C-alpha cells in the first residue's frame, strides 16, 4: 500500500507517532511539523466529510493540531495516537458545526485524485461521490461520524467508540441506523433520477 504524503516511514508507525508526541511534549517543533504533515490530509478529509465547509475544515484541522501541540504531554497511551487525534478533531468539528450559521460546500478537488482516469469515468465517479456525500450530509452528525471513520478512515468500532466517546454498542447501533438511512436515501435518489 503506498504511503500517504507526509506519512512517516518505518516498521511501526504507531510507535514512531508515540515518540513524536513525546518530542512534541518537550517542545520539538520539527516533530510537530512531521506529525502535522502526517495528519493534515487525513484530518481534512474527515472534517470535510463531516462539515463540508472549507473555512471550517481549515479551522478545525488547525485547532486540532494546536491542541495536539499544547496537550501532547497528556497523551497516556491508552489508545492509538490516531484515535486520540481524531477524537480531538471530532469534538472540534461538532463545536464548529454548532457555531456555524451558513455552511459552504467544500472544494472536493482537495480530497480527490483523478490521475489516470478517462473523462467519463471521472465524471461518473464525481457524480457518485456527490450523491453519496449529499446522502451522508442528511445523516445526523453522530451517524455520519461513524460512517466516515469506518469507511473513509478504516477505523475499528472500538477505536471509533473512543473517538466519539461512547460505548461500543452505541457505535454499532449508530452504524446500523446510518446504513439503513443511507440505503433509503440512495434508493430514493436513484428512483427520483429515473
C-alpha atoms as a PDB file:
ATOM      1  CA  UNK A   1       0.000   0.000   0.000  1.00  0.00           C
ATOM      2  CA  UNK A   2       1.508   3.368  -0.943  1.00  0.00           C
ATOM      3  CA  UNK A   3       2.299   5.769   1.850  1.00  0.00           C
ATOM      4  CA  UNK A   4       0.266   8.891   2.189  1.00  0.00           C
ATOM      5  CA  UNK A   5       2.223  12.058   1.540  1.00  0.00           C
ATOM      6  CA  UNK A   6       3.865  13.197   4.730  1.00  0.00           C
ATOM      7  CA  UNK A   7       3.460   9.802   6.374  1.00  0.00           C
ATOM      8  CA  UNK A   8       6.357   8.540   8.436  1.00  0.00           C
ATOM      9  CA  UNK A   9       8.408   5.614   7.210  1.00  0.00           C
ATOM     10  CA  UNK A  10       9.460   2.733   9.401  1.00  0.00           C
ATOM     11  CA  UNK A  11       8.206  -0.606  10.522  1.00  0.00           C
ATOM     12  CA  UNK A  12       5.861   0.637  13.240  1.00  0.00           C
ATOM     13  CA  UNK A  13       4.194   3.981  12.532  1.00  0.00           C
ATOM     14  CA  UNK A  14       2.295   3.886  15.845  1.00  0.00           C
ATOM     15  CA  UNK A  15       5.458   3.703  17.953  1.00  0.00           C
ATOM     16  CA  UNK A  16       7.005   6.445  15.790  1.00  0.00           C
ATOM     17  CA  UNK A  17       3.938   8.637  16.442  1.00  0.00           C
ATOM     18  CA  UNK A  18       4.241   7.999  20.190  1.00  0.00           C
ATOM     19  CA  UNK A  19       7.904   9.078  20.006  1.00  0.00           C
ATOM     20  CA  UNK A  20       6.900  12.187  18.054  1.00  0.00           C
ATOM     21  CA  UNK A  21       4.330  13.085  20.726  1.00  0.00           C
ATOM     22  CA  UNK A  22       6.991  12.746  23.420  1.00  0.00           C
ATOM     23  CA  UNK A  23       9.259  15.068  21.441  1.00  0.00           C
ATOM     24  CA  UNK A  24       6.355  17.490  20.897  1.00  0.00           C
ATOM     25  CA  UNK A  25       5.668  17.483  24.638  1.00  0.00           C
ATOM     26  CA  UNK A  26       9.287  18.586  25.059  1.00  0.00           C
ATOM     27  CA  UNK A  27       8.702  21.480  22.634  1.00  0.00           C
ATOM     28  CA  UNK A  28      10.253  19.965  19.478  1.00  0.00           C
ATOM     29  CA  UNK A  29       8.796  21.970  16.575  1.00  0.00           C
ATOM     30  CA  UNK A  30      10.296  19.664  13.931  1.00  0.00           C
ATOM     31  CA  UNK A  31       8.482  16.692  15.473  1.00  0.00           C
ATOM     32  CA  UNK A  32       5.264  18.717  15.433  1.00  0.00           C
ATOM     33  CA  UNK A  33       5.752  19.622  11.763  1.00  0.00           C
ATOM     34  CA  UNK A  34       6.260  15.944  10.938  1.00  0.00           C
ATOM     35  CA  UNK A  35       3.081  14.921  12.785  1.00  0.00           C
ATOM     36  CA  UNK A  36       1.167  17.835  11.251  1.00  0.00           C
ATOM     37  CA  UNK A  37       2.142  16.760   7.720  1.00  0.00           C
ATOM     38  CA  UNK A  38       1.207  13.174   8.536  1.00  0.00           C
ATOM     39  CA  UNK A  39      -2.279  14.095   9.736  1.00  0.00           C
ATOM     40  CA  UNK A  40      -3.191  17.162   7.684  1.00  0.00           C
ATOM     41  CA  UNK A  41      -4.784  15.391   4.699  1.00  0.00           C
ATOM     42  CA  UNK A  42      -6.411  12.677   6.835  1.00  0.00           C
ATOM     43  CA  UNK A  43      -7.988  15.220   9.167  1.00  0.00           C
ATOM     44  CA  UNK A  44      -9.002  17.440   6.239  1.00  0.00           C
ATOM     45  CA  UNK A  45     -10.850  14.537   4.610  1.00  0.00           C
ATOM     46  CA  UNK A  46     -12.519  13.545   7.886  1.00  0.00           C
ATOM     47  CA  UNK A  47     -13.631  17.051   8.794  1.00  0.00           C
ATOM     48  CA  UNK A  48     -14.566  17.752   5.159  1.00  0.00           C
ATOM     49  CA  UNK A  49     -16.924  14.802   5.104  1.00  0.00           C
ATOM     50  CA  UNK A  50     -18.464  15.989   8.368  1.00  0.00           C
ATOM     51  CA  UNK A  51     -18.638  19.724   7.765  1.00  0.00           C
ATOM     52  CA  UNK A  52     -18.474  20.441   4.004  1.00  0.00           C
ATOM     53  CA  UNK A  53     -17.370  23.978   4.813  1.00  0.00           C
ATOM     54  CA  UNK A  54     -13.904  24.973   3.551  1.00  0.00           C
ATOM     55  CA  UNK A  55     -13.300  27.617   6.212  1.00  0.00           C
ATOM     56  CA  UNK A  56     -14.480  25.311   8.998  1.00  0.00           C
ATOM     57  CA  UNK A  57     -12.315  22.453   7.719  1.00  0.00           C
ATOM     58  CA  UNK A  58      -9.180  24.585   7.889  1.00  0.00           C
ATOM     59  CA  UNK A  59     -10.117  25.998  11.284  1.00  0.00           C
ATOM     60  CA  UNK A  60     -10.861  22.586  12.812  1.00  0.00           C
ATOM     61  CA  UNK A  61      -7.688  20.972  11.475  1.00  0.00           C
ATOM     62  CA  UNK A  62      -5.565  23.840  12.777  1.00  0.00           C
ATOM     63  CA  UNK A  63      -7.391  23.916  16.127  1.00  0.00           C
ATOM     64  CA  UNK A  64      -6.970  20.152  16.444  1.00  0.00           C
ATOM     65  CA  UNK A  65      -3.254  20.307  15.805  1.00  0.00           C
ATOM     66  CA  UNK A  66      -2.925  23.247  18.218  1.00  0.00           C
ATOM     67  CA  UNK A  67      -4.469  21.048  20.919  1.00  0.00           C
ATOM     68  CA  UNK A  68      -2.010  18.276  19.973  1.00  0.00           C
ATOM     69  CA  UNK A  69       0.851  20.757  20.397  1.00  0.00           C
ATOM     70  CA  UNK A  70      -0.468  22.037  23.720  1.00  0.00           C
ATOM     71  CA  UNK A  71      -1.607  18.700  25.184  1.00  0.00           C
ATOM     72  CA  UNK A  72       0.974  16.219  23.824  1.00  0.00           C
ATOM     73  CA  UNK A  73       2.229  15.572  27.356  1.00  0.00           C
ATOM     74  CA  UNK A  74      -1.262  14.395  28.394  1.00  0.00           C
ATOM     75  CA  UNK A  75      -1.293  11.515  25.891  1.00  0.00           C
ATOM     76  CA  UNK A  76      -1.239   8.433  28.127  1.00  0.00           C
ATOM     77  CA  UNK A  77      -1.012   5.631  25.544  1.00  0.00           C
ATOM     78  CA  UNK A  78      -4.409   4.170  26.468  1.00  0.00           C
ATOM     79  CA  UNK A  79      -5.394   4.394  22.790  1.00  0.00           C
ATOM     80  CA  UNK A  80      -3.697   4.849  19.436  1.00  0.00           C
ATOM     81  CA  UNK A  81      -2.281   8.272  18.638  1.00  0.00           C
ATOM     82  CA  UNK A  82      -4.612   8.442  15.625  1.00  0.00           C
ATOM     83  CA  UNK A  83      -7.628   7.712  17.844  1.00  0.00           C
ATOM     84  CA  UNK A  84      -6.583  10.482  20.224  1.00  0.00           C
ATOM     85  CA  UNK A  85      -6.106  12.995  17.406  1.00  0.00           C
ATOM     86  CA  UNK A  86      -9.338  12.063  15.607  1.00  0.00           C
ATOM     87  CA  UNK A  87     -11.240  12.357  18.910  1.00  0.00           C
ATOM     88  CA  UNK A  88      -9.969  15.915  19.276  1.00  0.00           C
ATOM     89  CA  UNK A  89     -10.956  16.651  15.658  1.00  0.00           C
ATOM     90  CA  UNK A  90     -14.409  15.124  16.164  1.00  0.00           C
ATOM     91  CA  UNK A  91     -15.134  17.312  19.192  1.00  0.00           C
ATOM     92  CA  UNK A  92     -13.786  20.414  17.429  1.00  0.00           C
ATOM     93  CA  UNK A  93     -15.928  19.608  14.367  1.00  0.00           C
ATOM     94  CA  UNK A  94     -19.107  19.216  16.418  1.00  0.00           C
ATOM     95  CA  UNK A  95     -18.366  22.504  18.196  1.00  0.00           C
ATOM     96  CA  UNK A  96     -17.724  24.211  14.855  1.00  0.00           C
ATOM     97  CA  UNK A  97     -20.908  22.812  13.310  1.00  0.00           C
ATOM     98  CA  UNK A  98     -22.968  24.115  16.220  1.00  0.00           C
ATOM     99  CA  UNK A  99     -21.427  27.563  15.838  1.00  0.00           C
ATOM    100  CA  UNK A 100     -21.682  27.827  12.049  1.00  0.00           C
ATOM    101  CA  UNK A 101     -24.611  29.642  10.503  1.00  0.00           C
ATOM    102  CA  UNK A 102     -24.450  29.057   6.776  1.00  0.00           C
ATOM    103  CA  UNK A 103     -22.453  26.040   5.544  1.00  0.00           C
ATOM    104  CA  UNK A 104     -20.454  26.466   2.361  1.00  0.00           C
ATOM    105  CA  UNK A 105     -19.751  23.439   0.160  1.00  0.00           C
ATOM    106  CA  UNK A 106     -16.128  22.360   0.436  1.00  0.00           C
ATOM    107  CA  UNK A 107     -13.815  22.107  -2.545  1.00  0.00           C
ATOM    108  CA  UNK A 108     -13.972  18.366  -3.246  1.00  0.00           C
ATOM    109  CA  UNK A 109     -10.948  18.642  -5.539  1.00  0.00           C
ATOM    110  CA  UNK A 110      -8.783  18.926  -2.409  1.00  0.00           C
ATOM    111  CA  UNK A 111      -9.669  15.344  -1.496  1.00  0.00           C
ATOM    112  CA  UNK A 112      -9.706  13.597  -4.869  1.00  0.00           C
ATOM    113  CA  UNK A 113      -7.098  12.011  -7.109  1.00  0.00           C
ATOM    114  CA  UNK A 114      -8.146  11.935 -10.760  1.00  0.00           C
ATOM    115  CA  UNK A 115      -4.867  10.632 -12.168  1.00  0.00           C
ATOM    116  CA  UNK A 116      -5.219   8.004 -14.882  1.00  0.00           C
ATOM    117  CA  UNK A 117      -8.997   8.249 -15.309  1.00  0.00           C
ATOM    118  CA  UNK A 118     -10.878   8.828 -18.526  1.00  0.00           C
ATOM    119  CA  UNK A 119     -13.198  11.868 -18.545  1.00  0.00           C
ATOM    120  CA  UNK A 120     -16.371   9.745 -18.475  1.00  0.00           C
ATOM    121  CA  UNK A 121     -15.079   7.618 -15.596  1.00  0.00           C
ATOM    122  CA  UNK A 122     -14.030  10.725 -13.704  1.00  0.00           C
ATOM    123  CA  UNK A 123     -17.437  12.334 -14.224  1.00  0.00           C
ATOM    124  CA  UNK A 124     -19.285   9.168 -13.119  1.00  0.00           C
ATOM    125  CA  UNK A 125     -17.119   8.840 -10.031  1.00  0.00           C
ATOM    126  CA  UNK A 126     -17.608  12.519  -9.161  1.00  0.00           C
ATOM    127  CA  UNK A 127     -21.375  12.182  -9.571  1.00  0.00           C
ATOM    128  CA  UNK A 128     -21.392   9.113  -7.339  1.00  0.00           C
ATOM    129  CA  UNK A 129     -19.221  10.873  -4.737  1.00  0.00           C
ATOM    130  CA  UNK A 130     -21.548  13.858  -4.821  1.00  0.00           C
ATOM    131  CA  UNK A 131     -24.641  11.667  -4.427  1.00  0.00           C
ATOM    132  CA  UNK A 132     -23.118   9.730  -1.534  1.00  0.00           C
ATOM    133  CA  UNK A 133     -21.831  12.974   0.019  1.00  0.00           C
ATOM    134  CA  UNK A 134     -25.291  14.550  -0.174  1.00  0.00           C
ATOM    135  CA  UNK A 135     -26.811  11.438   1.401  1.00  0.00           C
ATOM    136  CA  UNK A 136     -24.171  11.473   4.164  1.00  0.00           C
ATOM    137  CA  UNK A 137     -24.966  15.148   4.789  1.00  0.00           C
ATOM    138  CA  UNK A 138     -28.543  14.152   5.610  1.00  0.00           C
ATOM    139  CA  UNK A 139     -27.460  11.792   8.389  1.00  0.00           C
ATOM    140  CA  UNK A 140     -27.261  13.079  11.956  1.00  0.00           C
ATOM    141  CA  UNK A 141     -23.694  14.094  12.866  1.00  0.00           C
ATOM    142  CA  UNK A 142     -23.183  11.118  15.194  1.00  0.00           C
ATOM    143  CA  UNK A 143     -24.174   8.606  12.494  1.00  0.00           C
ATOM    144  CA  UNK A 144     -22.181  10.461   9.836  1.00  0.00           C
ATOM    145  CA  UNK A 145     -19.055  10.367  12.010  1.00  0.00           C
ATOM    146  CA  UNK A 146     -19.329   6.602  12.456  1.00  0.00           C
ATOM    147  CA  UNK A 147     -19.768   6.088   8.709  1.00  0.00           C
ATOM    148  CA  UNK A 148     -16.866   8.381   7.789  1.00  0.00           C
ATOM    149  CA  UNK A 149     -14.473   6.891  10.330  1.00  0.00           C
ATOM    150  CA  UNK A 150     -15.383   3.351   9.278  1.00  0.00           C
ATOM    151  CA  UNK A 151     -15.403   3.676   5.504  1.00  0.00           C
ATOM    152  CA  UNK A 152     -13.066   6.587   4.809  1.00  0.00           C
ATOM    153  CA  UNK A 153     -10.531   6.069   7.614  1.00  0.00           C
ATOM    154  CA  UNK A 154     -10.764   2.293   8.102  1.00  0.00           C
ATOM    155  CA  UNK A 155     -11.137   2.560  11.876  1.00  0.00           C
ATOM    156  CA  UNK A 156     -12.328  -0.316  14.020  1.00  0.00           C
ATOM    157  CA  UNK A 157     -15.530   0.158  16.008  1.00  0.00           C
ATOM    158  CA  UNK A 158     -13.542   0.060  19.263  1.00  0.00           C
ATOM    159  CA  UNK A 159     -11.390   2.983  18.071  1.00  0.00           C
ATOM    160  CA  UNK A 160     -14.477   4.864  16.877  1.00  0.00           C
ATOM    161  CA  UNK A 161     -16.056   4.413  20.308  1.00  0.00           C
ATOM    162  CA  UNK A 162     -13.039   6.191  21.800  1.00  0.00           C
ATOM    163  CA  UNK A 163     -13.100   8.941  19.172  1.00  0.00           C
ATOM    164  CA  UNK A 164     -16.787   9.766  19.657  1.00  0.00           C
ATOM    165  CA  UNK A 165     -16.675   8.968  23.396  1.00  0.00           C
ATOM    166  CA  UNK A 166     -19.480   6.445  23.591  1.00  0.00           C
ATOM    167  CA  UNK A 167     -19.891   2.717  24.295  1.00  0.00           C
ATOM    168  CA  UNK A 168     -19.024   0.204  21.578  1.00  0.00           C
ATOM    169  CA  UNK A 169     -22.639  -0.929  21.302  1.00  0.00           C
ATOM    170  CA  UNK A 170     -23.710   2.663  20.665  1.00  0.00           C
ATOM    171  CA  UNK A 171     -21.278   2.813  17.732  1.00  0.00           C
ATOM    172  CA  UNK A 172     -22.758  -0.413  16.356  1.00  0.00           C
ATOM    173  CA  UNK A 173     -26.291   0.933  16.773  1.00  0.00           C
ATOM    174  CA  UNK A 174     -25.382   4.211  15.054  1.00  0.00           C
ATOM    175  CA  UNK A 175     -23.811   2.263  12.193  1.00  0.00           C
ATOM    176  CA  UNK A 176     -26.898   0.065  11.865  1.00  0.00           C
ATOM    177  CA  UNK A 177     -29.214   3.076  11.653  1.00  0.00           C
ATOM    178  CA  UNK A 178     -26.818   5.024   9.409  1.00  0.00           C
ATOM    179  CA  UNK A 179     -26.587   2.158   6.898  1.00  0.00           C
ATOM    180  CA  UNK A 180     -30.348   1.790   6.728  1.00  0.00           C
ATOM    181  CA  UNK A 181     -30.906   5.536   6.409  1.00  0.00           C
ATOM    182  CA  UNK A 182     -28.177   5.837   3.769  1.00  0.00           C
ATOM    183  CA  UNK A 183     -29.620   2.910   1.829  1.00  0.00           C
ATOM    184  CA  UNK A 184     -33.067   4.552   1.857  1.00  0.00           C
ATOM    185  CA  UNK A 185     -31.653   7.933   0.824  1.00  0.00           C
ATOM    186  CA  UNK A 186     -29.629   6.442  -2.036  1.00  0.00           C
ATOM    187  CA  UNK A 187     -32.583   4.307  -3.168  1.00  0.00           C
ATOM    188  CA  UNK A 188     -34.876   7.362  -3.202  1.00  0.00           C
ATOM    189  CA  UNK A 189     -32.249   9.330  -5.157  1.00  0.00           C
ATOM    190  CA  UNK A 190     -31.962   6.518  -7.696  1.00  0.00           C
ATOM    191  CA  UNK A 191     -35.731   6.269  -8.098  1.00  0.00           C
ATOM    192  CA  UNK A 192     -36.183  10.018  -8.490  1.00  0.00           C
ATOM    193  CA  UNK A 193     -33.481  10.205 -11.178  1.00  0.00           C
ATOM    194  CA  UNK A 194     -35.224   7.645 -13.384  1.00  0.00           C
END
